[in-house]
Amino acid sequence: MFKLNLTRRWTAAAALLLTFAGTSIHARAQASAIPSASPDTGKNTAAYGQKVLDQMVQALGGDAWRNRRNWKANGNFGIFYKSKPNDVSPKFEEFHLLQPNVTRFVVVTHYGSGLADLLGAPIGVSAGRDHPDIVQLHTPDDSYEITYKGKVELPKEMVSEQQRQRAHSLDVVMSWLKRPDTVVVYEGMGTVARRPAERVSIITADNDTVTLELDASTHLPVSREFRYRNTTYKDFDIDREEYDNYQLRDGVMTPFTITRYKNDDMVAQRFIVDMHYNVDLPPALFNPDIPLSGKPPKK
């Protein structure tokens, strides 16, 4: 069970809005109201909320952020169980296309083994050199583990987790604003990691809600949060990401640290070493029918 839970948490961390890295882990801080610091929005909180979102886009890079086609990143990531870190903190590479929404996530390990073995302390596996042979590919319809023999579909629960994450990425949420029935609500001021932040919620006609917290000084996003129904316990779970250590890459302000929480428990963290946008990515990277050997299986 412990091994399975670790695998799920790694998978949930694998396809995020961006892959980010940094040098420090900031403390978890639940947003709290600061009425005296709230700006004068007048009576139209929707218009003011839209203004704050426009400031966010400009802070991220304006047209450079809007016109991203893809990205390539590398760094390290860690996973947590009940907020306690696993001993393994592997290297990773990520390749992402925005249209269609496809992510290739590569774990670089010292073990020639599968993901579950990696996170469960493999036994009897030789170590010593890097093996970029743990690969997951997330498409709009499914998620796979790619091996030297071919593809294997990931468990349904893990696929659902990935799709839920991708459906609430910043790019997708900002596309909601193009719908005439989307509602924007300015929620006032709060704090994230002891920094003042403005809270804005974007709500669809289906009552799907994402709340963004934006640094009051830089207007950069410092968190993204949404709730979803837990089908087992019939209540709601809270999925939250916090962003830190922004750096400029190819005209885009990019957080190099991302920390994910589920119901206030830290479950995953990424640290980017480098990242670039609009790079040349071979189509074969995103073809689930091409195994790691590079040779499609014989039919």
Protein backbone atom coordinates (compact mmCIF):
# COMPACT_ATOMS: atom_id res chain seq x y z
CA MET A 1 0.00 0.00 0.00
CA PHE A 2 2.84 2.39 0.84
CA LYS A 3 4.47 1.76 -2.54
CA LEU A 4 1.17 2.29 -4.37
CA ASN A 5 0.47 5.58 -2.57
CA LEU A 6 3.93 6.88 -3.45
CA THR A 7 3.41 5.98 -7.09
CA ARG A 8 0.10 7.81 -7.20
CA ARG A 9 1.63 10.92 -5.70
CA TRP A 10 4.50 10.91 -8.18
CA THR A 11 2.07 10.51 -11.09
CA ALA A 12 -0.07 13.36 -9.82
CA ALA A 13 3.02 15.57 -9.72
CA ALA A 14 4.21 14.62 -13.20
CA ALA A 15 1.94 16.73 -15.41
CA LEU A 16 1.68 20.14 -13.87
CA LEU A 17 1.26 23.60 -15.46
CA LEU A 18 5.03 24.07 -15.38
CA THR A 19 7.96 22.18 -13.96
CA PHE A 20 9.82 24.39 -11.59
CA ALA A 21 12.91 24.23 -9.40
CA GLY A 22 14.62 26.32 -6.80
CA THR A 23 16.92 26.41 -3.82
CA SER A 24 14.49 26.67 -0.93
CA ILE A 25 11.17 25.28 0.29
CA HIS A 26 8.85 28.01 1.50
CA ALA A 27 6.57 27.41 4.45
CA ARG A 28 2.96 26.44 3.85
CA ALA A 29 0.68 29.38 4.66
CA GLN A 30 -3.08 29.24 4.40
CA ALA A 31 -4.46 32.46 2.93
CA SER A 32 -5.98 34.76 5.53
CA ALA A 33 -8.06 37.86 5.08
CA ILE A 34 -6.45 41.24 5.47
CA PRO A 35 -9.39 43.66 5.20
CA SER A 36 -7.32 46.79 5.87
CA ALA A 37 -5.03 45.99 2.94
CA SER A 38 -7.81 45.31 0.44
CA PRO A 39 -7.92 47.73 -2.48
CA ASP A 40 -10.98 49.80 -3.30
CA THR A 41 -12.74 47.73 -5.95
CA GLY A 42 -15.93 49.75 -6.07
CA LYS A 43 -19.05 47.67 -6.53
CA ASN A 44 -17.85 45.71 -9.56
CA THR A 45 -15.66 42.94 -8.15
CA ALA A 46 -15.83 41.07 -11.49
CA ALA A 47 -14.25 43.97 -13.38
CA TYR A 48 -11.57 44.40 -10.75
CA GLY A 49 -10.89 40.66 -10.76
CA GLN A 50 -10.44 40.76 -14.53
CA LYS A 51 -8.05 43.69 -14.13
CA VAL A 52 -5.97 41.68 -11.66
CA LEU A 53 -5.87 38.72 -14.08
CA ASP A 54 -4.74 41.03 -16.90
CA GLN A 55 -1.93 42.26 -14.65
CA MET A 56 -0.95 38.65 -13.99
CA VAL A 57 -0.67 37.85 -17.70
CA GLN A 58 1.48 40.93 -18.30
CA ALA A 59 3.70 40.00 -15.35
CA LEU A 60 4.16 36.49 -16.75
CA GLY A 61 5.41 37.94 -20.04
CA GLY A 62 2.38 39.19 -21.95
CA ASP A 63 2.55 38.01 -25.56
CA ALA A 64 5.59 35.83 -24.81
CA TRP A 65 3.49 33.89 -22.28
CA ARG A 66 0.40 33.81 -24.52
CA ASN A 67 2.37 32.57 -27.54
CA ARG A 68 4.15 29.64 -25.91
CA ARG A 69 3.91 26.52 -28.06
CA ASN A 70 5.88 24.08 -25.94
CA TRP A 71 8.58 23.77 -23.30
CA LYS A 72 11.47 21.57 -22.24
CA ALA A 73 12.58 21.37 -18.61
CA ASN A 74 14.92 19.38 -16.40
CA GLY A 75 15.49 19.24 -12.67
CA ASN A 76 14.74 17.15 -9.60
CA PHE A 77 11.51 16.13 -7.96
CA GLY A 78 10.43 14.66 -4.66
CA ILE A 79 7.31 12.95 -3.39
CA PHE A 80 5.79 12.88 0.07
CA TYR A 81 3.60 10.53 2.09
CA LYS A 82 1.66 12.23 4.90
CA SER A 83 3.90 15.28 4.30
CA LYS A 84 7.04 13.22 4.94
CA PRO A 85 9.53 13.06 2.03
CA ASN A 86 10.59 9.85 0.36
CA ASP A 87 14.36 9.26 0.41
CA VAL A 88 14.54 9.16 -3.40
CA SER A 89 14.76 12.51 -5.22
CA PRO A 90 15.39 11.62 -8.87
CA LYS A 91 16.31 13.80 -11.81
CA PHE A 92 13.67 14.37 -14.46
CA GLU A 93 13.17 15.75 -17.94
CA GLU A 94 9.83 17.04 -19.19
CA PHE A 95 8.65 17.84 -22.71
CA HIS A 96 5.27 19.50 -23.12
CA LEU A 97 3.06 20.57 -26.04
CA LEU A 98 0.28 23.07 -25.38
CA GLN A 99 -1.68 22.09 -28.50
CA PRO A 100 -2.55 19.28 -28.25
CA ASN A 101 -2.08 19.09 -24.50
CA VAL A 102 0.55 16.32 -24.29
CA THR A 103 3.32 15.77 -21.73
CA ARG A 104 6.29 13.40 -21.79
CA PHE A 105 7.83 12.98 -18.33
CA VAL A 106 11.15 11.14 -18.05
CA VAL A 107 12.62 9.97 -14.75
CA VAL A 108 16.42 9.67 -14.82
CA THR A 109 17.52 7.13 -12.22
CA HIS A 110 20.46 4.99 -11.20
CA TYR A 111 18.22 1.95 -11.46
CA GLY A 112 17.13 0.14 -14.59
CA SER A 113 13.73 -0.54 -13.05
CA GLY A 114 10.10 0.48 -13.17
CA LEU A 115 8.59 3.41 -11.32
CA ALA A 116 6.99 1.37 -8.55
CA ASP A 117 10.31 -0.35 -7.80
CA LEU A 118 12.12 2.99 -7.81
CA LEU A 119 9.82 4.47 -5.20
CA GLY A 120 9.75 1.29 -3.15
CA ALA A 121 13.54 0.82 -2.78
CA PRO A 122 14.36 -1.74 -5.50
CA ILE A 123 16.14 -4.94 -4.54
CA GLY A 124 18.63 -6.76 -6.70
CA VAL A 125 18.96 -3.97 -9.29
CA SER A 126 22.38 -2.75 -10.33
CA ALA A 127 23.17 0.91 -9.67
CA GLY A 128 25.80 3.34 -10.81
CA ARG A 129 24.79 5.12 -14.01
CA ASP A 130 21.79 7.13 -15.12
CA HIS A 131 18.95 5.37 -16.93
CA PRO A 132 16.39 7.61 -18.65
CA ASP A 133 14.07 4.63 -18.96
CA ILE A 134 11.10 5.49 -16.73
CA VAL A 135 8.80 7.44 -19.03
CA GLN A 136 5.19 8.50 -18.74
CA LEU A 137 3.23 10.03 -21.59
CA HIS A 138 0.04 11.95 -20.85
CA THR A 139 -2.29 12.65 -23.77
CA PRO A 140 -5.71 14.35 -23.74
CA ASP A 141 -7.38 10.93 -23.61
CA ASP A 142 -5.08 8.61 -21.67
CA SER A 143 -1.80 8.14 -19.81
CA TYR A 144 0.85 5.51 -20.46
CA GLU A 145 4.13 4.22 -19.11
CA ILE A 146 6.52 3.78 -22.04
CA THR A 147 9.02 0.95 -21.79
CA TYR A 148 11.56 -0.61 -24.13
CA LYS A 149 8.89 -3.09 -25.17
CA GLY A 150 6.06 -0.64 -25.76
CA LYS A 151 3.31 1.18 -23.87
CA VAL A 152 1.29 0.16 -20.83
CA GLU A 153 -1.84 2.05 -19.82
CA LEU A 154 -1.68 3.50 -16.33
CA PRO A 155 -4.41 2.56 -13.82
CA LYS A 156 -7.71 4.35 -14.26
CA GLU A 157 -7.43 6.21 -10.96
CA MET A 158 -4.02 7.58 -11.91
CA VAL A 159 -5.29 8.65 -15.33
CA SER A 160 -8.20 10.48 -13.71
CA GLU A 161 -5.80 12.29 -11.39
CA GLN A 162 -3.70 13.42 -14.32
CA GLN A 163 -6.67 14.60 -16.35
CA ARG A 164 -8.06 16.53 -13.39
CA GLN A 165 -4.71 18.29 -12.90
CA ARG A 166 -4.43 19.18 -16.57
CA ALA A 167 -8.05 20.39 -16.71
CA HIS A 168 -7.22 22.96 -14.01
CA SER A 169 -3.86 24.19 -15.28
CA LEU A 170 -3.38 27.93 -15.58
CA ASP A 171 -3.53 27.78 -19.38
CA VAL A 172 -6.85 25.94 -19.32
CA VAL A 173 -8.33 28.16 -16.60
CA MET A 174 -7.44 31.31 -18.53
CA SER A 175 -9.18 29.84 -21.59
CA TRP A 176 -12.39 29.70 -19.51
CA LEU A 177 -12.50 33.50 -19.74
CA LYS A 178 -13.40 33.21 -23.42
CA ARG A 179 -16.76 31.67 -22.46
CA PRO A 180 -19.56 34.18 -21.96
CA ASP A 181 -20.95 32.29 -18.94
CA THR A 182 -17.69 32.30 -16.96
CA VAL A 183 -17.75 34.40 -13.79
CA VAL A 184 -14.76 36.21 -12.27
CA VAL A 185 -14.91 37.15 -8.59
CA TYR A 186 -12.35 39.24 -6.72
CA GLU A 187 -12.02 37.65 -3.26
CA GLY A 188 -9.88 40.31 -1.57
CA MET A 189 -6.43 40.15 -0.01
CA GLY A 190 -4.74 37.22 1.73
CA THR A 191 -1.23 35.97 2.48
CA VAL A 192 0.85 33.15 1.03
CA ALA A 193 4.15 32.37 2.73
CA ARG A 194 3.84 35.66 4.62
CA ARG A 195 3.50 37.63 1.39
CA PRO A 196 0.40 39.75 0.61
CA ALA A 197 -1.59 38.22 -2.22
CA GLU A 198 -4.76 39.09 -4.13
CA ARG A 199 -7.32 36.30 -4.51
CA VAL A 200 -9.36 35.87 -7.68
CA SER A 201 -11.80 33.02 -8.42
CA ILE A 202 -12.80 31.91 -11.91
CA ILE A 203 -16.08 29.99 -12.02
CA THR A 204 -17.59 28.09 -14.96
CA ALA A 205 -21.29 27.52 -15.65
CA ASP A 206 -20.84 24.02 -14.19
CA ASN A 207 -19.62 25.60 -10.93
CA ASP A 208 -16.06 24.41 -11.50
CA THR A 209 -14.03 26.94 -9.52
CA VAL A 210 -10.32 27.73 -9.47
CA THR A 211 -8.92 30.31 -7.08
CA LEU A 212 -5.64 32.05 -7.93
CA GLU A 213 -3.54 34.01 -5.47
CA LEU A 214 -1.31 36.67 -7.04
CA ASP A 215 1.61 38.43 -5.40
CA ALA A 216 0.39 41.94 -4.55
CA SER A 217 3.70 43.49 -5.65
CA THR A 218 4.74 41.49 -8.72
CA HIS A 219 1.25 40.24 -9.79
CA LEU A 220 2.78 36.80 -10.42
CA PRO A 221 0.72 33.75 -9.38
CA VAL A 222 1.82 32.25 -6.08
CA SER A 223 -0.90 29.61 -5.77
CA ARG A 224 -3.71 27.81 -7.59
CA GLU A 225 -6.43 25.89 -5.76
CA PHE A 226 -9.56 23.93 -6.66
CA ARG A 227 -11.92 21.46 -5.02
CA TYR A 228 -13.31 18.24 -6.45
CA ARG A 229 -15.68 15.59 -5.18
CA ASN A 230 -14.24 12.48 -3.58
CA THR A 231 -16.33 9.67 -5.05
CA THR A 232 -15.39 7.26 -2.25
CA TYR A 233 -16.16 9.39 0.81
CA LYS A 234 -18.73 11.68 -0.90
CA ASP A 235 -17.02 14.84 0.31
CA PHE A 236 -14.55 17.26 -1.31
CA ASP A 237 -10.79 17.14 -1.68
CA ILE A 238 -8.67 20.28 -2.08
CA ASP A 239 -5.86 20.37 -4.64
CA ARG A 240 -3.39 23.22 -4.23
CA GLU A 241 -0.15 24.27 -5.91
CA GLU A 242 2.22 26.96 -4.66
CA TYR A 243 4.82 28.67 -6.87
CA ASP A 244 8.11 30.29 -5.93
CA ASN A 245 11.56 31.37 -7.17
CA TYR A 246 10.50 33.01 -10.45
CA GLN A 247 13.11 33.36 -13.17
CA LEU A 248 12.96 34.82 -16.66
CA ARG A 249 13.27 32.28 -19.49
CA ASP A 250 12.73 33.22 -23.15
CA GLY A 251 10.66 36.24 -22.15
CA VAL A 252 8.45 34.25 -19.75
CA MET A 253 8.55 34.58 -15.96
CA THR A 254 8.75 30.99 -14.78
CA PRO A 255 8.50 29.72 -11.19
CA PHE A 256 11.36 27.33 -10.60
CA THR A 257 9.77 25.74 -7.54
CA ILE A 258 6.35 24.16 -7.41
CA THR A 259 4.86 22.46 -4.37
CA ARG A 260 1.64 20.50 -4.45
CA TYR A 261 -0.71 19.88 -1.53
CA LYS A 262 -3.73 17.64 -1.19
CA ASN A 263 -6.01 18.46 1.73
CA ASP A 264 -3.15 20.47 3.28
CA ASP A 265 -0.71 17.53 3.09
CA MET A 266 2.37 18.14 0.96
CA VAL A 267 2.45 15.41 -1.71
CA ALA A 268 4.96 16.51 -4.37
CA GLN A 269 7.61 19.07 -5.14
CA ARG A 270 9.71 19.98 -8.16
CA PHE A 271 12.94 21.90 -8.54
CA ILE A 272 13.86 23.12 -12.01
CA VAL A 273 17.47 23.39 -13.07
CA ASP A 274 16.70 24.86 -16.51
CA MET A 275 13.71 25.42 -18.77
CA HIS A 276 13.15 26.78 -22.28
CA TYR A 277 10.10 27.57 -24.41
CA ASN A 278 9.29 27.19 -28.11
CA VAL A 279 12.04 24.66 -28.74
CA ASP A 280 12.37 22.02 -31.46
CA LEU A 281 10.66 18.89 -30.09
CA PRO A 282 10.55 15.82 -32.39
CA PRO A 283 7.00 14.47 -32.85
CA ALA A 284 8.25 11.00 -31.88
CA LEU A 285 8.55 12.20 -28.27
CA PHE A 286 4.76 12.35 -28.05
CA ASN A 287 3.91 9.14 -29.91
CA PRO A 288 2.85 6.48 -27.36
CA ASP A 289 3.42 3.71 -29.91
CA ILE A 290 7.18 4.30 -30.07
CA PRO A 291 8.98 2.43 -27.23
CA LEU A 292 12.18 3.62 -25.59
CA SER A 293 14.17 1.54 -28.05
CA GLY A 294 13.01 3.97 -30.75
CA LYS A 295 11.71 1.12 -32.88
CA PRO A 296 7.93 0.66 -33.17
CA PRO A 297 6.83 -2.86 -32.20
CA LYS A 298 6.30 -5.31 -35.03
CA LYS A 299 2.69 -5.90 -35.96
